[in-house]
Structures are given as structure tokens and as C-alpha cells.
Amino acid sequence: QVHVAESGGGLVQAGGSLKLSCAISGGSLRWYTMGWFRQAPGKEREFLSAIVHDSTTYHSDSAKGRFTIARDIAKNMVYLQMNTLKPEDSAIYYCATYNSGAGYGNPKMARNYQYWGQGTQVTVSS
């Protein structure tokens, strides 16, 4: 029922910017927490940023200062604006969600998310 889809990845030069988009269907951002994660080859899935249904935001040290999460409730869209990209940011970026309208766990923990997108590749050239 709930479907999550990321888009906006691609190849970018170091120092450049990308804006990732995540569309959710079958649920409303009014009740769902949205999170961004990434996974580079040979590494564990890494939390980046999340926005809870009540608009509370969370972010990792990696994301802080460079990445910004935002949402458009009317469009059921969440965005991750990524600036000053570095080669080490290269990874597959995932959008995920869980129903948090009636309470939620730590949105930094991947295990709390119910639905995941297929991922979008971000490659930053040096």
C-alpha cells in the first residue's frame, strides 16, 4: 500500500549540489516520519536526516551544515538538499518512512522504518 520512490541522483563535481526528492504514496506526511539514509560499497547503511510527522528534524554529523531536509505536505514530497558535495558522499541514497502518528522510536535507527525506496545513485567526482 505504501510506496516510496527517490529521484534526483546523478553525477556531480566535488563542491557541487544535488537535490534529492522522495515521493510517498498510500500515506500522508501528516502521520509519517521520513528519513534519508545512504550506503556506500562495503559500508553499513548510514543515517543522514529525518523529519518526523510533527516537523521535528534530526540529522547526522555528516549531514549537518551541508544537507537540509524539507517537506511539502501538500505534494507528499520530501527533499534532501545536498551542498558542498565531496567524493566521500558517493553512495546509494535511500528514502524511507514509517507511521509515527501514534508514537515512534528513534528516527535515526534504520530498523524503525517500514518502507524503503529503491535508492538513487549519487556519484561525486574528484
N, C-alpha and C. Protein backbone atom coordinates (compact mmCIF):
# COMPACT_ATOMS: atom_id res chain seq x y z
N GLN A 1 0.82 -1.20 0.00
CA GLN A 1 0.00 0.00 0.00
C GLN A 1 0.86 1.26 0.00
N VAL A 2 1.80 1.34 0.93
CA VAL A 2 2.70 2.48 0.99
C VAL A 2 3.85 2.27 0.04
N HIS A 3 4.11 3.27 -0.77
CA HIS A 3 5.18 3.21 -1.75
C HIS A 3 6.06 4.44 -1.61
N VAL A 4 7.36 4.21 -1.66
CA VAL A 4 8.34 5.27 -1.53
C VAL A 4 9.24 5.24 -2.75
N ALA A 5 9.51 6.39 -3.32
CA ALA A 5 10.35 6.46 -4.52
C ALA A 5 11.26 7.68 -4.47
N GLU A 6 12.56 7.43 -4.59
CA GLU A 6 13.55 8.51 -4.62
C GLU A 6 13.90 8.87 -6.06
N SER A 7 14.36 10.08 -6.24
CA SER A 7 14.86 10.52 -7.52
C SER A 7 15.80 11.69 -7.32
N GLY A 8 16.54 12.03 -8.35
CA GLY A 8 17.39 13.20 -8.31
C GLY A 8 18.87 12.92 -8.22
N GLY A 9 19.25 11.66 -8.10
CA GLY A 9 20.65 11.32 -8.04
C GLY A 9 21.32 11.52 -9.39
N GLY A 10 22.64 11.43 -9.38
CA GLY A 10 23.39 11.60 -10.60
C GLY A 10 24.85 11.83 -10.32
N LEU A 11 25.54 12.29 -11.33
CA LEU A 11 26.96 12.57 -11.25
C LEU A 11 27.17 14.06 -11.07
N VAL A 12 27.96 14.42 -10.09
CA VAL A 12 28.21 15.83 -9.82
C VAL A 12 29.67 16.03 -9.44
N GLN A 13 30.19 17.18 -9.76
CA GLN A 13 31.56 17.52 -9.42
C GLN A 13 31.68 17.86 -7.94
N ALA A 14 32.81 17.55 -7.35
CA ALA A 14 33.05 17.91 -5.96
C ALA A 14 32.82 19.40 -5.75
N GLY A 15 32.12 19.72 -4.67
CA GLY A 15 31.77 21.10 -4.39
C GLY A 15 30.41 21.50 -4.92
N GLY A 16 29.83 20.66 -5.74
CA GLY A 16 28.54 20.95 -6.32
C GLY A 16 27.39 20.55 -5.42
N SER A 17 26.19 20.65 -5.97
CA SER A 17 24.98 20.40 -5.21
C SER A 17 24.03 19.48 -5.97
N LEU A 18 23.22 18.78 -5.21
CA LEU A 18 22.14 17.98 -5.75
C LEU A 18 20.95 18.08 -4.81
N LYS A 19 19.78 17.99 -5.38
CA LYS A 19 18.56 17.95 -4.59
C LYS A 19 17.84 16.65 -4.88
N LEU A 20 17.75 15.80 -3.87
CA LEU A 20 17.04 14.55 -4.00
C LEU A 20 15.59 14.74 -3.62
N SER A 21 14.73 13.99 -4.28
CA SER A 21 13.31 14.04 -3.99
C SER A 21 12.82 12.66 -3.59
N CYS A 22 11.82 12.65 -2.74
CA CYS A 22 11.21 11.40 -2.31
C CYS A 22 9.71 11.58 -2.29
N ALA A 23 9.03 10.75 -3.03
CA ALA A 23 7.58 10.77 -3.09
C ALA A 23 7.01 9.60 -2.31
N ILE A 24 6.01 9.87 -1.53
CA ILE A 24 5.33 8.82 -0.79
C ILE A 24 3.88 8.76 -1.24
N SER A 25 3.41 7.56 -1.46
CA SER A 25 2.01 7.34 -1.78
C SER A 25 1.43 6.30 -0.83
N GLY A 26 0.14 6.36 -0.60
CA GLY A 26 -0.50 5.44 0.32
C GLY A 26 -0.43 5.87 1.77
N GLY A 27 0.11 7.02 2.00
CA GLY A 27 0.23 7.57 3.34
C GLY A 27 0.45 9.06 3.27
N SER A 28 0.20 9.72 4.37
CA SER A 28 0.35 11.17 4.42
C SER A 28 1.51 11.55 5.33
N LEU A 29 2.22 12.58 4.93
CA LEU A 29 3.30 13.11 5.76
C LEU A 29 2.78 13.65 7.07
N ARG A 30 1.49 13.81 7.16
CA ARG A 30 0.87 14.23 8.41
C ARG A 30 1.07 13.19 9.51
N TRP A 31 1.28 11.92 9.09
CA TRP A 31 1.39 10.83 10.05
C TRP A 31 2.66 10.01 9.91
N TYR A 32 3.49 10.33 8.94
CA TYR A 32 4.66 9.51 8.67
C TYR A 32 5.96 10.28 8.87
N THR A 33 6.90 9.59 9.47
CA THR A 33 8.27 10.08 9.55
C THR A 33 9.00 9.70 8.27
N MET A 34 9.77 10.63 7.74
CA MET A 34 10.56 10.39 6.53
C MET A 34 12.04 10.51 6.87
N GLY A 35 12.80 9.56 6.40
CA GLY A 35 14.23 9.57 6.67
C GLY A 35 15.05 9.36 5.42
N TRP A 36 16.25 9.90 5.44
CA TRP A 36 17.23 9.70 4.38
C TRP A 36 18.42 8.94 4.93
N PHE A 37 18.82 7.92 4.19
CA PHE A 37 19.98 7.11 4.52
C PHE A 37 20.84 6.97 3.28
N ARG A 38 22.06 6.53 3.47
CA ARG A 38 22.91 6.22 2.33
C ARG A 38 23.77 5.02 2.65
N GLN A 39 24.20 4.36 1.59
CA GLN A 39 25.07 3.21 1.75
C GLN A 39 26.10 3.19 0.64
N ALA A 40 27.35 3.26 1.04
CA ALA A 40 28.46 3.18 0.10
C ALA A 40 28.94 1.74 0.01
N PRO A 41 29.59 1.37 -1.07
CA PRO A 41 30.07 -0.01 -1.22
C PRO A 41 30.94 -0.45 -0.05
N GLY A 42 30.63 -1.61 0.51
CA GLY A 42 31.41 -2.16 1.60
C GLY A 42 31.17 -1.52 2.95
N LYS A 43 30.21 -0.62 3.03
CA LYS A 43 29.94 0.07 4.29
C LYS A 43 28.51 -0.16 4.75
N GLU A 44 28.30 0.10 6.02
CA GLU A 44 26.97 -0.03 6.60
C GLU A 44 26.07 1.11 6.15
N ARG A 45 24.79 0.85 6.20
CA ARG A 45 23.81 1.89 5.90
C ARG A 45 23.93 3.01 6.94
N GLU A 46 23.97 4.22 6.49
CA GLU A 46 24.23 5.37 7.34
C GLU A 46 23.04 6.32 7.37
N PHE A 47 22.62 6.68 8.56
CA PHE A 47 21.56 7.66 8.71
C PHE A 47 22.08 9.05 8.35
N LEU A 48 21.24 9.81 7.67
CA LEU A 48 21.60 11.17 7.30
C LEU A 48 20.69 12.21 7.94
N SER A 49 19.41 12.08 7.69
CA SER A 49 18.48 13.11 8.13
C SER A 49 17.07 12.55 8.16
N ALA A 50 16.25 13.11 9.03
CA ALA A 50 14.86 12.67 9.12
C ALA A 50 13.98 13.83 9.56
N ILE A 51 12.74 13.75 9.14
CA ILE A 51 11.74 14.71 9.60
C ILE A 51 10.53 13.93 10.07
N VAL A 52 10.17 14.14 11.33
CA VAL A 52 9.06 13.45 11.94
C VAL A 52 7.76 14.14 11.53
N HIS A 53 6.66 13.45 11.69
CA HIS A 53 5.37 13.99 11.25
C HIS A 53 5.04 15.33 11.89
N ASP A 54 5.56 15.57 13.10
CA ASP A 54 5.29 16.83 13.78
C ASP A 54 6.28 17.92 13.40
N SER A 55 7.12 17.66 12.41
CA SER A 55 8.11 18.56 11.83
C SER A 55 9.45 18.58 12.56
N THR A 56 9.58 17.82 13.62
CA THR A 56 10.87 17.70 14.28
C THR A 56 11.89 17.09 13.32
N THR A 57 13.08 17.65 13.28
CA THR A 57 14.11 17.14 12.39
C THR A 57 15.29 16.58 13.17
N TYR A 58 15.97 15.63 12.54
CA TYR A 58 17.16 15.01 13.08
C TYR A 58 18.18 14.93 11.96
N HIS A 59 19.43 14.99 12.32
CA HIS A 59 20.46 14.85 11.31
C HIS A 59 21.74 14.31 11.91
N SER A 60 22.51 13.69 11.06
CA SER A 60 23.79 13.14 11.46
C SER A 60 24.87 14.21 11.38
N ASP A 61 26.03 13.90 11.95
CA ASP A 61 27.15 14.83 11.84
C ASP A 61 27.57 15.00 10.39
N SER A 62 27.44 13.95 9.60
CA SER A 62 27.80 14.03 8.19
C SER A 62 26.91 15.00 7.43
N ALA A 63 25.64 15.04 7.81
CA ALA A 63 24.68 15.88 7.10
C ALA A 63 24.66 17.31 7.61
N LYS A 64 24.95 17.49 8.88
CA LYS A 64 24.84 18.80 9.50
C LYS A 64 25.72 19.83 8.80
N GLY A 65 25.11 20.95 8.45
CA GLY A 65 25.84 22.05 7.83
C GLY A 65 25.89 22.00 6.32
N ARG A 66 25.63 20.84 5.73
CA ARG A 66 25.68 20.70 4.28
C ARG A 66 24.37 20.20 3.68
N PHE A 67 23.69 19.35 4.41
CA PHE A 67 22.45 18.76 3.92
C PHE A 67 21.26 19.33 4.67
N THR A 68 20.18 19.54 3.95
CA THR A 68 18.97 20.07 4.56
C THR A 68 17.77 19.25 4.12
N ILE A 69 16.97 18.82 5.09
CA ILE A 69 15.76 18.08 4.78
C ILE A 69 14.58 19.04 4.82
N ALA A 70 13.65 18.83 3.91
CA ALA A 70 12.45 19.65 3.85
C ALA A 70 11.31 18.82 3.32
N ARG A 71 10.10 19.27 3.55
CA ARG A 71 8.95 18.54 3.06
C ARG A 71 7.88 19.48 2.53
N ASP A 72 7.08 18.95 1.63
CA ASP A 72 5.92 19.63 1.09
C ASP A 72 4.74 18.71 1.35
N ILE A 73 3.98 19.01 2.38
CA ILE A 73 2.90 18.13 2.80
C ILE A 73 1.83 18.01 1.72
N ALA A 74 1.53 19.11 1.06
CA ALA A 74 0.50 19.10 0.03
C ALA A 74 0.86 18.16 -1.12
N LYS A 75 2.13 18.05 -1.42
CA LYS A 75 2.59 17.21 -2.52
C LYS A 75 3.04 15.82 -2.07
N ASN A 76 3.04 15.58 -0.77
CA ASN A 76 3.55 14.32 -0.22
C ASN A 76 4.99 14.07 -0.69
N MET A 77 5.79 15.12 -0.61
CA MET A 77 7.16 15.05 -1.06
C MET A 77 8.12 15.46 0.05
N VAL A 78 9.25 14.80 0.08
CA VAL A 78 10.34 15.15 0.98
C VAL A 78 11.59 15.34 0.14
N TYR A 79 12.42 16.28 0.54
CA TYR A 79 13.60 16.62 -0.23
C TYR A 79 14.84 16.57 0.64
N LEU A 80 15.95 16.30 0.01
CA LEU A 80 17.24 16.41 0.67
C LEU A 80 18.12 17.27 -0.21
N GLN A 81 18.34 18.49 0.22
CA GLN A 81 19.23 19.39 -0.49
C GLN A 81 20.65 19.14 0.00
N MET A 82 21.52 18.78 -0.91
CA MET A 82 22.89 18.44 -0.58
C MET A 82 23.83 19.44 -1.23
N ASN A 83 24.58 20.14 -0.41
CA ASN A 83 25.51 21.14 -0.90
C ASN A 83 26.94 20.77 -0.54
N THR A 84 27.86 21.41 -1.22
CA THR A 84 29.29 21.19 -0.97
C THR A 84 29.61 19.70 -0.94
N LEU A 85 29.20 19.02 -1.97
CA LEU A 85 29.37 17.57 -2.03
C LEU A 85 30.84 17.18 -2.16
N LYS A 86 31.16 16.07 -1.53
CA LYS A 86 32.51 15.55 -1.52
C LYS A 86 32.52 14.15 -2.11
N PRO A 87 33.66 13.70 -2.62
CA PRO A 87 33.72 12.34 -3.16
C PRO A 87 33.25 11.28 -2.17
N GLU A 88 33.50 11.47 -0.88
CA GLU A 88 33.08 10.52 0.11
C GLU A 88 31.57 10.48 0.32
N ASP A 89 30.86 11.41 -0.29
CA ASP A 89 29.40 11.38 -0.27
C ASP A 89 28.83 10.41 -1.29
N SER A 90 29.65 9.89 -2.16
CA SER A 90 29.19 8.96 -3.18
C SER A 90 28.60 7.72 -2.53
N ALA A 91 27.38 7.40 -2.88
CA ALA A 91 26.66 6.28 -2.28
C ALA A 91 25.31 6.15 -2.95
N ILE A 92 24.62 5.08 -2.61
CA ILE A 92 23.22 4.98 -2.96
C ILE A 92 22.43 5.62 -1.83
N TYR A 93 21.57 6.53 -2.18
CA TYR A 93 20.77 7.26 -1.20
C TYR A 93 19.36 6.70 -1.17
N TYR A 94 18.89 6.43 0.03
CA TYR A 94 17.59 5.82 0.22
C TYR A 94 16.66 6.73 1.01
N CYS A 95 15.43 6.74 0.62
CA CYS A 95 14.37 7.37 1.37
C CYS A 95 13.55 6.27 2.03
N ALA A 96 13.15 6.49 3.26
CA ALA A 96 12.38 5.50 3.99
C ALA A 96 11.34 6.19 4.86
N THR A 97 10.35 5.42 5.28
CA THR A 97 9.27 6.01 6.07
C THR A 97 8.68 5.00 7.05
N TYR A 98 8.08 5.53 8.09
CA TYR A 98 7.28 4.72 8.98
C TYR A 98 6.17 5.57 9.57
N ASN A 99 5.11 4.91 9.97
CA ASN A 99 3.96 5.60 10.55
C ASN A 99 4.30 5.99 11.98
N SER A 100 4.36 7.27 12.23
CA SER A 100 4.72 7.77 13.55
C SER A 100 3.62 8.62 14.18
N GLY A 101 2.45 8.62 13.59
CA GLY A 101 1.37 9.45 14.08
C GLY A 101 0.90 9.09 15.48
N ALA A 102 1.10 7.85 15.88
CA ALA A 102 0.69 7.39 17.19
C ALA A 102 1.88 7.10 18.10
N GLY A 103 3.02 7.66 17.77
CA GLY A 103 4.22 7.43 18.53
C GLY A 103 5.29 6.79 17.67
N TYR A 104 6.53 6.97 18.07
CA TYR A 104 7.62 6.47 17.26
C TYR A 104 8.87 6.22 18.09
N GLY A 105 9.74 5.42 17.51
CA GLY A 105 11.05 5.20 18.09
C GLY A 105 12.04 6.22 17.58
N ASN A 106 13.29 5.96 17.79
CA ASN A 106 14.35 6.85 17.36
C ASN A 106 14.42 6.89 15.83
N PRO A 107 14.15 8.02 15.22
CA PRO A 107 14.15 8.09 13.74
C PRO A 107 15.54 7.98 13.13
N LYS A 108 16.57 7.95 13.94
CA LYS A 108 17.92 7.75 13.43
C LYS A 108 18.23 6.27 13.17
N MET A 109 17.37 5.41 13.66
CA MET A 109 17.61 3.98 13.55
C MET A 109 16.89 3.39 12.36
N ALA A 110 17.65 2.79 11.46
CA ALA A 110 17.07 2.24 10.24
C ALA A 110 16.03 1.17 10.53
N ARG A 111 16.22 0.44 11.61
CA ARG A 111 15.31 -0.66 11.94
C ARG A 111 13.90 -0.20 12.23
N ASN A 112 13.70 1.08 12.49
CA ASN A 112 12.38 1.59 12.78
C ASN A 112 11.55 1.90 11.54
N TYR A 113 12.17 1.87 10.39
CA TYR A 113 11.48 2.23 9.15
C TYR A 113 10.83 1.02 8.50
N GLN A 114 9.62 1.21 8.05
CA GLN A 114 8.82 0.13 7.48
C GLN A 114 8.95 0.00 5.98
N TYR A 115 9.08 1.13 5.30
CA TYR A 115 9.05 1.14 3.85
C TYR A 115 10.25 1.88 3.30
N TRP A 116 10.83 1.31 2.27
CA TRP A 116 12.04 1.85 1.68
C TRP A 116 11.90 2.00 0.18
N GLY A 117 12.52 3.04 -0.35
CA GLY A 117 12.61 3.20 -1.78
C GLY A 117 13.70 2.33 -2.36
N GLN A 118 13.83 2.35 -3.66
CA GLN A 118 14.82 1.54 -4.35
C GLN A 118 16.21 2.14 -4.32
N GLY A 119 16.31 3.40 -3.99
CA GLY A 119 17.58 4.08 -3.92
C GLY A 119 17.89 4.86 -5.18
N THR A 120 18.68 5.90 -5.02
CA THR A 120 19.15 6.68 -6.15
C THR A 120 20.65 6.91 -5.99
N GLN A 121 21.38 6.67 -7.06
CA GLN A 121 22.84 6.74 -7.00
C GLN A 121 23.32 8.17 -7.07
N VAL A 122 24.20 8.51 -6.14
CA VAL A 122 24.88 9.80 -6.16
C VAL A 122 26.37 9.53 -6.29
N THR A 123 26.97 10.10 -7.31
CA THR A 123 28.39 9.95 -7.53
C THR A 123 29.03 11.33 -7.61
N VAL A 124 30.00 11.56 -6.75
CA VAL A 124 30.69 12.84 -6.70
C VAL A 124 32.11 12.64 -7.20
N SER A 125 32.45 13.29 -8.27
CA SER A 125 33.77 13.15 -8.86
C SER A 125 34.76 14.11 -8.21
N SER A 126 36.00 13.67 -8.11
CA SER A 126 37.04 14.48 -7.50
C SER A 126 37.81 15.26 -8.55
